[in-house]
Amino acid sequence: MNTKQQKIKLKLVSPLMKNTIPLPSYATPGSAAMDLHACCESPIVIPAGAQGKVPTGIAIEIPNPDMVALVFPRSGLASKHGICLSNSVGVIDSDYRGEIVCMLKNDNAADFVVHPGDRIAQLGFFPIYRIDWEEVPELSETQRGTGGFGSTGFSQTVSNRVIG
């Protein structure tokens, strides 16, 4: 396995962590991101069409500015309950030392209850590329060119049959 390992310092900011609420962890050996859990003493109700802050009970120290932690929504919560992150993806910069808090948005018609320890989001770590702008009069040509928003078409394969 060619997986890169990196030590990340973790600070527990809630006494509920470890004893009651699990630490972030990978669900399977093939998981790209760790599950983040709701760190709360009692359930948090997110009303229909509203949003609510859900603490995770942890803070992290990313060792250098060449790395970022990204918080992603859980696909199961989105597809089954209409729960997503208000900002789509949360960015944890290398110089942030506060608690990771997830702003969950309820796009469902019913209230959603987050229970202590529920898996609410996913946390992944990625490299950062710092850039310097080079202003040019033209960009190189490609087959796609300037086409966007559906310019490459839509097709869906279903049972060896192409629809689209």
Protein backbone atom coordinates (compact mmCIF):
# COMPACT_ATOMS: atom_id res chain seq x y z
CA MET A 1 0.00 0.00 0.00
CA ASN A 2 1.37 3.40 -1.00
CA THR A 3 -0.57 5.49 1.54
CA LYS A 4 1.17 8.56 2.89
CA GLN A 5 1.19 8.83 6.70
CA GLN A 6 1.30 12.12 8.59
CA LYS A 7 1.10 12.83 12.31
CA ILE A 8 -1.57 15.38 13.22
CA LYS A 9 -1.83 16.74 16.74
CA LEU A 10 -5.32 16.39 18.20
CA LYS A 11 -6.65 18.37 21.16
CA LEU A 12 -9.77 17.20 22.96
CA VAL A 13 -11.81 20.32 23.74
CA SER A 14 -14.72 18.49 25.37
CA PRO A 15 -14.68 16.09 28.32
CA LEU A 16 -17.16 13.92 26.38
CA MET A 17 -14.46 12.91 23.91
CA LYS A 18 -13.03 9.37 24.03
CA ASN A 19 -15.21 8.19 26.93
CA THR A 20 -18.59 8.98 25.34
CA ILE A 21 -17.86 10.32 21.86
CA PRO A 22 -15.45 8.43 19.58
CA LEU A 23 -12.35 10.04 18.10
CA PRO A 24 -12.45 10.65 14.34
CA SER A 25 -11.61 7.44 12.51
CA TYR A 26 -11.64 5.79 9.11
CA ALA A 27 -14.72 3.56 8.69
CA THR A 28 -12.95 1.12 6.34
CA PRO A 29 -9.39 0.54 5.11
CA GLY A 30 -10.37 2.21 1.81
CA SER A 31 -11.92 5.32 3.38
CA ALA A 32 -10.38 8.57 2.12
CA ALA A 33 -11.72 10.63 5.04
CA MET A 34 -12.42 10.13 8.73
CA ASP A 35 -15.87 10.28 10.28
CA LEU A 36 -16.51 13.26 12.56
CA HIS A 37 -18.97 12.72 15.40
CA ALA A 38 -21.41 15.09 17.09
CA CYS A 39 -19.95 16.00 20.47
CA CYS A 40 -22.94 17.13 22.51
CA GLU A 41 -24.50 16.16 25.85
CA SER A 42 -28.05 16.10 24.49
CA PRO A 43 -29.66 15.93 21.05
CA ILE A 44 -29.48 18.97 18.77
CA VAL A 45 -32.61 19.68 16.71
CA ILE A 46 -32.09 21.26 13.30
CA PRO A 47 -35.48 22.58 12.17
CA ALA A 48 -36.70 21.98 8.64
CA GLY A 49 -35.19 24.52 6.27
CA ALA A 50 -32.78 25.82 8.92
CA GLN A 51 -29.19 25.24 9.95
CA GLY A 52 -27.45 24.49 13.21
CA LYS A 53 -23.95 24.32 14.64
CA VAL A 54 -22.80 20.89 15.74
CA PRO A 55 -19.53 20.69 17.71
CA THR A 56 -17.07 17.84 17.19
CA GLY A 57 -15.16 18.20 20.45
CA ILE A 58 -11.77 18.35 18.75
CA ALA A 59 -9.19 20.86 17.55
CA ILE A 60 -6.24 19.93 15.36
CA GLU A 61 -2.79 21.24 14.54
CA ILE A 62 -1.85 20.84 10.90
CA PRO A 63 1.97 20.76 10.87
CA ASN A 64 2.64 23.03 7.89
CA PRO A 65 0.95 25.35 5.39
CA ASP A 66 1.39 22.79 2.61
CA MET A 67 -1.60 20.83 3.96
CA VAL A 68 -5.29 21.53 4.49
CA ALA A 69 -8.05 19.62 6.24
CA LEU A 70 -11.37 19.61 4.44
CA VAL A 71 -14.72 18.81 6.04
CA PHE A 72 -17.15 17.10 3.67
CA PRO A 73 -20.83 16.21 4.09
CA ARG A 74 -21.84 12.58 4.55
CA SER A 75 -23.60 11.29 1.45
CA GLY A 76 -25.99 9.13 3.47
CA LEU A 77 -27.22 12.09 5.51
CA ALA A 78 -27.73 14.10 2.32
CA SER A 79 -29.54 11.39 0.35
CA LYS A 80 -31.70 10.03 3.19
CA HIS A 81 -32.37 13.14 5.27
CA GLY A 82 -31.48 16.25 3.23
CA ILE A 83 -28.66 17.13 5.66
CA CYS A 84 -25.57 18.80 4.21
CA LEU A 85 -22.93 21.32 5.24
CA SER A 86 -24.08 24.94 4.94
CA ASN A 87 -20.80 25.90 3.24
CA SER A 88 -20.62 22.70 1.13
CA VAL A 89 -17.01 22.02 2.18
CA GLY A 90 -15.34 23.34 5.31
CA VAL A 91 -11.73 24.48 5.06
CA ILE A 92 -9.50 23.98 8.10
CA ASP A 93 -6.38 26.09 7.47
CA SER A 94 -3.01 25.09 8.91
CA ASP A 95 -3.02 28.08 11.29
CA TYR A 96 -6.52 27.45 12.77
CA ARG A 97 -6.45 26.05 16.32
CA GLY A 98 -10.11 26.25 17.36
CA GLU A 99 -12.70 23.52 17.67
CA ILE A 100 -13.97 22.03 14.43
CA VAL A 101 -17.67 22.84 14.32
CA CYS A 102 -19.95 21.67 11.52
CA MET A 103 -22.72 23.97 10.33
CA LEU A 104 -25.38 21.49 9.19
CA LYS A 105 -28.20 22.59 6.91
CA ASN A 106 -31.54 20.78 6.88
CA ASP A 107 -33.02 20.87 3.37
CA ASN A 108 -35.76 18.44 4.40
CA ALA A 109 -39.40 19.26 5.22
CA ALA A 110 -39.06 17.66 8.68
CA ASP A 111 -36.90 18.57 11.67
CA PHE A 112 -33.70 16.52 12.00
CA VAL A 113 -32.28 15.40 15.32
CA VAL A 114 -28.53 14.97 15.79
CA HIS A 115 -27.81 12.64 18.69
CA PRO A 116 -24.58 12.59 20.72
CA GLY A 117 -21.98 10.53 18.84
CA ASP A 118 -23.78 10.60 15.47
CA ARG A 119 -21.49 10.67 12.44
CA ILE A 120 -22.13 14.14 11.00
CA ALA A 121 -19.35 14.83 8.48
CA GLN A 122 -16.04 13.58 7.11
CA LEU A 123 -12.55 15.01 7.58
CA GLY A 124 -9.86 14.55 4.92
CA PHE A 125 -6.32 15.90 4.58
CA PHE A 126 -4.90 17.16 1.28
CA PRO A 127 -1.78 18.86 -0.10
CA ILE A 128 -1.86 22.56 -0.95
CA TYR A 129 -0.23 24.13 -3.99
CA ARG A 130 0.76 27.78 -3.64
CA ILE A 131 0.60 29.67 -6.91
CA ASP A 132 1.92 32.83 -8.45
CA TRP A 133 -0.25 34.37 -11.13
CA GLU A 134 1.23 34.71 -14.60
CA GLU A 135 -0.97 37.02 -16.64
CA VAL A 136 -1.07 36.03 -20.31
CA PRO A 137 -3.07 37.35 -23.29
CA GLU A 138 -4.24 33.84 -24.31
CA LEU A 139 -4.51 30.36 -22.82
CA SER A 140 -3.53 27.16 -24.64
CA GLU A 141 -6.14 25.48 -26.86
CA THR A 142 -7.96 22.30 -25.75
CA GLN A 143 -10.65 20.13 -27.31
CA ARG A 144 -13.21 21.49 -24.82
CA GLY A 145 -12.11 25.10 -25.02
CA THR A 146 -14.37 27.56 -23.21
CA GLY A 147 -17.42 25.27 -23.11
CA GLY A 148 -18.86 24.84 -19.63
CA PHE A 149 -22.04 23.89 -17.78
CA GLY A 150 -23.00 20.79 -19.72
CA SER A 151 -20.94 21.47 -22.82
CA THR A 152 -19.57 17.92 -22.80
CA GLY A 153 -23.12 16.49 -22.86
CA PHE A 154 -24.90 14.06 -20.60
CA SER A 155 -25.02 10.31 -20.87
CA GLN A 156 -25.83 7.64 -18.36
CA THR A 157 -25.02 3.97 -18.75
CA VAL A 158 -27.77 1.65 -17.57
CA SER A 159 -27.46 -2.10 -18.14
CA ASN A 160 -24.96 -1.67 -21.01
CA ARG A 161 -27.31 0.80 -22.68
CA VAL A 162 -26.46 4.47 -23.11
CA ILE A 163 -29.18 6.97 -22.33
CA GLY A 164 -28.69 10.63 -23.12
